[in-house]
Amino acid sequence: MQQRIHYVSSAEGVNLAWSAHGRGPPLVRAATWLTHLQYDHDSPVWAHWLQFLGDHFRCVRYDERGCGMSEREVAAVALPEWLDDLERVVDAAQIDRPFTLLGISQGAATSIAYAIGHPERVSHLVLYGGYAVGGNKRENPDSRALFQAVMEVTRLGWGRDNPAFLQLFASRFLPEGTPEQLAWLNALCRRTATPEVAARLLQARGDVDVRALLAQVRVPTLVLHATRDQIAPVSQGRLLAAEIPGAQFVALDSCNHVLLAHEPAWQHFQQAVLAFTGQPAAAAQLRVEGELTTRERRALQLLREGMSNARIAGELGIAEKTVRNHLSNLYRKLGVRSRAEAIVRGRRQEAD
């Protein structure tokens, strides 16, 4: 997944880092924090997201103002600035046809505002883990109290090797994360934003309230939400789907705010997005491949790389006869009759 990093200036001169990777119909991922263009491709948290998006779309993404490779010291951080930044990146990417707009977490509010202002440019609006009302604006007093507690801990613990902060902050994003994933997320806190800016960004998220905008959305919308998300409760996803005209809602059985690669919910997410954006063949293929064993999936990957049975056997550490048996099972599950058909189907899926 090769990428070239570019810069574009916002209305008030903030330098925003953006990049594009993959091929296929265009997709823009609205910024959310805890990203870093330089490190995310190797991330145990984000890499599988970028792989999926690059396999099926030309994915344009950017680091939020104050974060990652974008300008760190910024004056204003709120929805008007987030919307202007998204507009600037889309223009810089020179996308020449309507595109899918992906809003994750806080990026959902920005995406909603963009879709209302530019309905002719957005072919599909996909919202995952989003919310219309930030934690500081919700009616539940417990939610507001929790938000203020997290704000205080963020001011004290951001960017430090503090186990208590890691437990409170990172584990809320990834309750089922491995020690490696939690450690990476904690390291990203130090890499992507200063403690002062992080606190301001978190406060801005808490103050989000786009309820008045939802009924104005006029583009096809898919809302996906983890049912046990601790960052954005599933009730917020249901609110988005209920108030956006014609929106589809998909509940995902997970407690992670960022879906992890091993989860069935991640497979479900990919299938739903591909089907919604007009790639039903790819969605069906993904569903079939999800039924393969780990070794069968690896054998299929090596097959698509053009390896012979002998080389696949060497890579997997198994006998060549066993490889032939695996490939026979693969052909049957994929509905193809030969090695060539399996390779052609795989490459056609990549081209799509």
Protein backbone atom coordinates (compact mmCIF):
# COMPACT_ATOMS: atom_id res chain seq x y z
CA MET A 1 0.00 0.00 0.00
CA GLN A 2 2.23 2.76 -1.28
CA GLN A 3 1.22 6.30 -0.50
CA ARG A 4 2.41 9.80 -1.25
CA ILE A 5 1.77 12.41 1.39
CA HIS A 6 0.60 15.84 0.24
CA TYR A 7 -0.27 19.07 2.02
CA VAL A 8 -3.10 21.52 1.53
CA SER A 9 -3.87 24.68 3.51
CA SER A 10 -7.14 25.36 5.29
CA ALA A 11 -9.00 28.66 5.08
CA GLU A 12 -6.93 30.11 7.94
CA GLY A 13 -3.66 28.60 6.73
CA VAL A 14 -3.45 25.36 8.74
CA ASN A 15 -1.38 22.78 6.86
CA LEU A 16 -3.25 19.48 6.45
CA ALA A 17 -1.48 16.25 5.51
CA TRP A 18 -3.40 13.95 3.18
CA SER A 19 -2.70 10.88 1.08
CA ALA A 20 -4.42 8.40 -1.23
CA HIS A 21 -3.90 4.68 -1.72
CA GLY A 22 -5.61 1.81 -3.49
CA ARG A 23 -7.66 1.71 -6.66
CA GLY A 24 -11.32 1.56 -7.50
CA PRO A 25 -14.20 3.98 -7.00
CA PRO A 26 -13.23 6.98 -4.85
CA LEU A 27 -13.79 6.98 -1.10
CA VAL A 28 -12.89 9.77 1.31
CA ARG A 29 -12.43 9.04 5.00
CA ALA A 30 -13.24 12.10 7.06
CA ALA A 31 -10.61 12.75 9.70
CA THR A 32 -10.89 11.46 13.21
CA TRP A 33 -8.16 11.52 15.80
CA LEU A 34 -5.78 8.72 16.75
CA THR A 35 -4.47 8.52 13.20
CA HIS A 36 -1.03 9.19 11.76
CA LEU A 37 -0.45 8.89 8.01
CA GLN A 38 3.10 7.67 8.50
CA TYR A 39 2.38 4.94 11.04
CA ASP A 40 -1.15 3.69 10.38
CA HIS A 41 -0.22 1.27 7.58
CA ASP A 42 1.85 -0.73 10.09
CA SER A 43 -0.65 -0.38 12.91
CA PRO A 44 -2.12 -3.47 14.61
CA VAL A 45 -5.28 -1.35 15.05
CA TRP A 46 -5.74 0.37 11.66
CA ALA A 47 -3.77 -1.66 9.09
CA HIS A 48 -6.61 -4.04 8.20
CA TRP A 49 -8.95 -1.06 7.69
CA LEU A 50 -6.52 0.52 5.24
CA GLN A 51 -5.96 -2.79 3.47
CA PHE A 52 -9.71 -3.28 2.98
CA LEU A 53 -10.29 0.27 1.80
CA GLY A 54 -7.33 0.16 -0.59
CA ASP A 55 -8.39 -3.21 -2.00
CA HIS A 56 -11.79 -1.86 -3.09
CA PHE A 57 -11.51 1.93 -3.35
CA ARG A 58 -9.14 4.76 -4.09
CA CYS A 59 -9.07 5.86 -0.48
CA VAL A 60 -8.29 9.49 0.37
CA ARG A 61 -7.57 10.18 4.03
CA TYR A 62 -5.95 12.93 6.06
CA ASP A 63 -4.72 13.66 9.55
CA GLU A 64 -6.95 15.94 11.57
CA ARG A 65 -5.72 19.43 12.33
CA GLY A 66 -3.61 19.25 15.47
CA CYS A 67 -2.78 15.58 14.88
CA GLY A 68 -0.39 13.29 13.08
CA MET A 69 1.44 14.88 10.16
CA SER A 70 -0.94 17.85 9.96
CA GLU A 71 -0.08 21.08 11.71
CA ARG A 72 0.02 20.50 15.46
CA GLU A 73 -0.41 23.97 16.98
CA VAL A 74 -3.82 25.20 15.87
CA ALA A 75 -6.16 27.88 17.19
CA ALA A 76 -9.62 26.56 16.35
CA VAL A 77 -10.92 22.99 16.61
CA ALA A 78 -14.65 22.57 16.09
CA LEU A 79 -17.16 21.42 13.47
CA PRO A 80 -16.85 24.50 11.18
CA GLU A 81 -13.08 23.97 10.94
CA TRP A 82 -13.46 20.18 10.49
CA LEU A 83 -15.90 20.79 7.63
CA ASP A 84 -13.63 23.32 5.91
CA ASP A 85 -10.68 20.92 6.23
CA LEU A 86 -12.65 18.12 4.59
CA GLU A 87 -13.68 20.43 1.74
CA ARG A 88 -10.07 21.47 1.18
CA VAL A 89 -8.80 17.89 1.07
CA VAL A 90 -11.53 16.77 -1.35
CA ASP A 91 -10.67 19.65 -3.67
CA ALA A 92 -6.95 18.90 -3.44
CA ALA A 93 -7.52 15.23 -4.28
CA GLN A 94 -9.23 16.30 -7.54
CA ILE A 95 -11.93 13.64 -7.35
CA ASP A 96 -13.80 13.85 -10.65
CA ARG A 97 -16.97 11.92 -9.79
CA PRO A 98 -19.32 11.38 -6.83
CA PHE A 99 -17.57 9.48 -4.05
CA THR A 100 -18.31 7.44 -0.94
CA LEU A 101 -17.82 9.47 2.22
CA LEU A 102 -16.82 7.47 5.30
CA GLY A 103 -17.32 9.07 8.70
CA ILE A 104 -15.92 7.17 11.68
CA SER A 105 -16.67 8.30 15.25
CA GLN A 106 -16.45 12.12 15.35
CA GLY A 107 -15.93 12.04 11.58
CA ALA A 108 -19.61 11.17 11.23
CA ALA A 109 -20.68 14.69 12.24
CA THR A 110 -18.26 16.24 9.74
CA SER A 111 -19.44 13.87 7.02
CA ILE A 112 -23.09 14.69 7.68
CA ALA A 113 -22.40 18.41 7.36
CA TYR A 114 -20.44 17.86 4.13
CA ALA A 115 -23.14 15.66 2.60
CA ILE A 116 -25.74 18.36 3.26
CA GLY A 117 -23.59 21.08 1.71
CA HIS A 118 -22.42 19.00 -1.27
CA PRO A 119 -25.09 16.36 -2.06
CA GLU A 120 -24.04 16.25 -5.72
CA ARG A 121 -20.54 15.09 -4.74
CA VAL A 122 -21.47 12.28 -2.33
CA SER A 123 -22.72 9.04 -3.86
CA HIS A 124 -22.88 7.10 -0.57
CA LEU A 125 -22.59 8.20 3.05
CA VAL A 126 -21.22 5.52 5.40
CA LEU A 127 -21.21 6.27 9.13
CA TYR A 128 -19.50 3.91 11.57
CA GLY A 129 -19.40 4.36 15.36
CA GLY A 130 -20.73 7.86 14.91
CA TYR A 131 -22.78 10.13 17.12
CA ALA A 132 -25.03 13.12 16.71
CA VAL A 133 -24.55 14.32 20.30
CA GLY A 134 -21.20 14.43 22.09
CA GLY A 135 -20.68 13.14 25.62
CA ASN A 136 -20.82 16.61 27.15
CA LYS A 137 -24.22 17.35 25.56
CA ARG A 138 -26.12 14.13 26.27
CA GLU A 139 -29.10 14.22 28.58
CA ASN A 140 -27.86 11.38 30.77
CA PRO A 141 -25.99 12.98 33.70
CA ASP A 142 -23.83 9.87 34.07
CA SER A 143 -22.60 10.31 30.50
CA ARG A 144 -21.65 13.91 31.17
CA ALA A 145 -19.90 12.98 34.41
CA LEU A 146 -17.92 10.24 32.67
CA PHE A 147 -16.93 12.63 29.91
CA GLN A 148 -15.61 15.16 32.40
CA ALA A 149 -13.66 12.43 34.21
CA VAL A 150 -12.04 11.32 30.97
CA MET A 151 -11.25 14.97 30.18
CA GLU A 152 -9.39 15.36 33.47
CA VAL A 153 -7.46 12.14 33.07
CA THR A 154 -6.54 13.13 29.51
CA ARG A 155 -5.02 16.39 30.73
CA LEU A 156 -2.98 14.52 33.31
CA GLY A 157 -2.08 11.31 31.50
CA TRP A 158 -1.84 11.99 27.76
CA GLY A 159 1.51 11.06 26.28
CA ARG A 160 2.90 9.47 29.42
CA ASP A 161 3.75 5.84 30.15
CA ASN A 162 1.05 5.76 32.77
CA PRO A 163 -0.65 2.34 33.22
CA ALA A 164 -3.72 3.93 34.80
CA PHE A 165 -4.24 6.23 31.82
CA LEU A 166 -3.69 3.34 29.40
CA GLN A 167 -6.29 1.26 31.21
CA LEU A 168 -8.91 4.02 31.23
CA PHE A 169 -8.33 5.49 27.80
CA ALA A 170 -7.07 2.79 25.45
CA SER A 171 -9.18 0.00 26.89
CA ARG A 172 -12.36 2.02 26.35
CA PHE A 173 -11.52 2.12 22.64
CA LEU A 174 -10.45 -1.52 22.49
CA PRO A 175 -11.89 -3.54 25.40
CA GLU A 176 -10.84 -6.73 23.60
CA GLY A 177 -7.52 -5.38 22.37
CA THR A 178 -4.33 -7.37 22.83
CA PRO A 179 -1.47 -5.94 24.92
CA GLU A 180 0.30 -5.13 21.65
CA GLN A 181 -2.71 -3.20 20.31
CA LEU A 182 -3.24 -1.30 23.56
CA ALA A 183 0.47 -0.44 23.75
CA TRP A 184 0.40 0.81 20.15
CA LEU A 185 -2.63 2.97 20.87
CA ASN A 186 -0.94 4.42 23.92
CA ALA A 187 2.22 5.14 21.88
CA LEU A 188 0.08 6.80 19.22
CA CYS A 189 -1.20 9.24 21.83
CA ARG A 190 2.36 10.50 22.23
CA ARG A 191 3.00 10.54 18.48
CA THR A 192 -0.15 12.18 17.20
CA ALA A 193 -1.01 15.13 19.47
CA THR A 194 0.27 17.19 22.38
CA PRO A 195 -1.55 16.88 25.73
CA GLU A 196 -2.92 20.43 25.42
CA VAL A 197 -4.27 19.91 21.89
CA ALA A 198 -5.62 16.45 22.77
CA ALA A 199 -7.67 17.95 25.60
CA ARG A 200 -9.07 20.62 23.27
CA LEU A 201 -9.94 18.05 20.63
CA LEU A 202 -11.67 15.87 23.18
CA GLN A 203 -13.65 18.85 24.49
CA ALA A 204 -14.72 19.73 20.95
CA ARG A 205 -15.97 16.19 20.45
CA GLY A 206 -17.93 16.36 23.68
CA ASP A 207 -19.65 19.52 22.46
CA VAL A 208 -20.81 18.08 19.10
CA ASP A 209 -24.55 18.36 18.47
CA VAL A 210 -25.74 17.85 14.89
CA ARG A 211 -29.29 16.65 15.65
CA ALA A 212 -30.74 19.60 13.75
CA LEU A 213 -28.84 18.57 10.60
CA LEU A 214 -29.91 14.94 10.34
CA ALA A 215 -33.24 15.48 8.58
CA GLN A 216 -31.46 17.53 5.89
CA VAL A 217 -29.35 14.63 4.59
CA ARG A 218 -30.44 13.68 1.07
CA VAL A 219 -27.85 11.08 0.03
CA PRO A 220 -28.05 7.28 0.49
CA THR A 221 -26.79 6.55 4.01
CA LEU A 222 -25.57 3.42 5.78
CA VAL A 223 -25.14 3.53 9.57
CA LEU A 224 -23.09 0.78 11.23
CA HIS A 225 -22.50 0.57 14.96
CA ALA A 226 -20.96 -1.84 17.46
CA THR A 227 -23.66 -2.87 19.91
CA ARG A 228 -21.43 -2.53 23.02
CA ASP A 229 -19.34 0.47 22.01
CA GLN A 230 -18.14 2.34 25.12
CA ILE A 231 -17.07 5.50 23.27
CA ALA A 232 -20.26 6.09 21.28
CA PRO A 233 -23.25 4.13 22.63
CA VAL A 234 -25.30 2.22 20.10
CA SER A 235 -28.25 4.49 20.90
CA GLN A 236 -26.35 7.23 19.05
CA GLY A 237 -26.10 5.03 15.96
CA ARG A 238 -29.81 4.30 16.13
CA LEU A 239 -30.50 8.03 16.46
CA LEU A 240 -28.52 8.73 13.28
CA ALA A 241 -30.36 6.00 11.38
CA ALA A 242 -33.77 7.08 12.66
CA GLU A 243 -33.38 10.77 11.84
CA ILE A 244 -31.54 10.56 8.50
CA PRO A 245 -34.20 9.97 5.83
CA GLY A 246 -34.02 6.48 4.34
CA ALA A 247 -30.89 5.45 6.23
CA GLN A 248 -30.05 1.77 6.65
CA PHE A 249 -28.85 0.52 10.05
CA VAL A 250 -26.51 -2.43 10.68
CA ALA A 251 -25.77 -3.54 14.24
CA LEU A 252 -22.35 -5.16 14.69
CA ASP A 253 -21.75 -7.57 17.56
CA SER A 254 -18.66 -6.01 19.12
CA CYS A 255 -17.54 -3.95 22.09
CA ASN A 256 -14.62 -2.34 20.26
CA HIS A 257 -14.89 1.23 18.98
CA VAL A 258 -12.37 0.30 16.28
CA LEU A 259 -13.23 -3.13 14.90
CA LEU A 260 -10.33 -5.60 15.06
CA ALA A 261 -9.31 -7.89 12.22
CA HIS A 262 -10.20 -11.18 13.92
CA GLU A 263 -13.78 -10.20 14.79
CA PRO A 264 -16.79 -11.57 12.88
CA ALA A 265 -18.13 -8.01 13.16
CA TRP A 266 -15.25 -6.82 10.95
CA GLN A 267 -16.25 -9.32 8.26
CA HIS A 268 -19.87 -8.15 8.59
CA PHE A 269 -18.80 -4.50 8.28
CA GLN A 270 -16.87 -5.14 5.07
CA GLN A 271 -19.71 -7.08 3.46
CA ALA A 272 -22.26 -4.39 4.33
CA VAL A 273 -20.08 -1.56 2.98
CA LEU A 274 -19.31 -3.37 -0.28
CA ALA A 275 -22.94 -4.29 -0.88
CA PHE A 276 -24.13 -0.75 -0.06
CA THR A 277 -21.59 0.91 -2.36
CA GLY A 278 -22.54 -1.25 -5.34
CA GLN A 279 -19.95 -4.02 -5.15
CA PRO A 280 -22.18 -7.06 -4.51
CA ALA A 281 -19.80 -9.49 -6.21
CA ALA A 282 -16.96 -8.41 -3.95
CA ALA A 283 -19.25 -8.64 -0.92
CA ALA A 284 -20.29 -12.18 -1.89
CA GLN A 285 -16.65 -13.16 -2.48
CA LEU A 286 -15.70 -11.76 0.90
CA ARG A 287 -18.47 -13.78 2.51
CA VAL A 288 -17.20 -16.95 0.87
CA GLU A 289 -13.60 -16.25 1.81
CA GLY A 290 -14.70 -15.62 5.37
CA GLU A 291 -15.71 -19.28 5.49
CA LEU A 292 -12.20 -20.46 4.59
CA THR A 293 -9.79 -21.79 7.17
CA THR A 294 -6.74 -19.72 8.06
CA ARG A 295 -4.51 -22.01 6.00
CA GLU A 296 -6.90 -21.94 3.04
CA ARG A 297 -6.92 -18.14 3.07
CA ARG A 298 -3.13 -18.08 3.13
CA ALA A 299 -2.94 -20.60 0.30
CA LEU A 300 -5.36 -18.47 -1.74
CA GLN A 301 -3.23 -15.38 -1.16
CA LEU A 302 -0.09 -17.21 -2.33
CA LEU A 303 -1.97 -18.62 -5.32
CA ARG A 304 -2.99 -15.11 -6.36
CA GLU A 305 0.66 -14.06 -6.10
CA GLY A 306 1.42 -16.59 -8.82
CA MET A 307 3.24 -19.16 -6.72
CA SER A 308 3.52 -22.78 -7.83
CA ASN A 309 2.28 -25.64 -5.66
CA ALA A 310 5.88 -26.37 -4.66
CA ARG A 311 6.48 -22.79 -3.54
CA ILE A 312 3.16 -22.67 -1.66
CA ALA A 313 4.16 -25.90 0.09
CA GLY A 314 7.46 -24.30 1.09
CA GLU A 315 5.79 -21.14 2.37
CA LEU A 316 3.25 -23.07 4.43
CA GLY A 317 5.63 -25.81 5.56
CA ILE A 318 3.41 -28.62 4.28
CA ALA A 319 3.65 -31.34 1.65
CA GLU A 320 2.89 -30.52 -1.97
CA LYS A 321 0.16 -33.18 -1.94
CA THR A 322 -1.49 -31.35 0.98
CA VAL A 323 -1.37 -28.14 -1.05
CA ARG A 324 -3.25 -29.86 -3.88
CA ASN A 325 -5.90 -30.98 -1.40
CA HIS A 326 -6.22 -27.43 -0.01
CA LEU A 327 -6.57 -25.99 -3.50
CA SER A 328 -9.26 -28.52 -4.41
CA ASN A 329 -11.24 -27.44 -1.36
CA LEU A 330 -10.67 -23.79 -2.30
CA TYR A 331 -11.97 -24.28 -5.82
CA ARG A 332 -15.07 -25.97 -4.50
CA LYS A 333 -15.82 -23.24 -1.95
CA LEU A 334 -15.13 -20.44 -4.43
CA GLY A 335 -17.23 -22.04 -7.15
CA VAL A 336 -14.38 -22.26 -9.67
CA ARG A 337 -12.98 -25.24 -11.55
CA SER A 338 -9.30 -24.43 -11.96
CA ARG A 339 -6.29 -22.54 -10.71
CA ALA A 340 -6.65 -20.01 -13.54
CA GLU A 341 -10.27 -19.22 -12.64
CA ALA A 342 -9.34 -18.71 -8.98
CA ILE A 343 -6.56 -16.29 -9.97
CA VAL A 344 -8.74 -14.42 -12.46
CA ARG A 345 -11.53 -14.04 -9.90
CA GLY A 346 -9.11 -12.70 -7.35
CA ARG A 347 -7.55 -10.21 -9.74
CA ARG A 348 -10.96 -9.10 -11.00
CA GLN A 349 -12.01 -8.46 -7.43
CA GLU A 350 -8.87 -6.34 -6.90
CA ALA A 351 -9.58 -4.39 -10.10
CA ASP A 352 -13.12 -3.67 -8.98
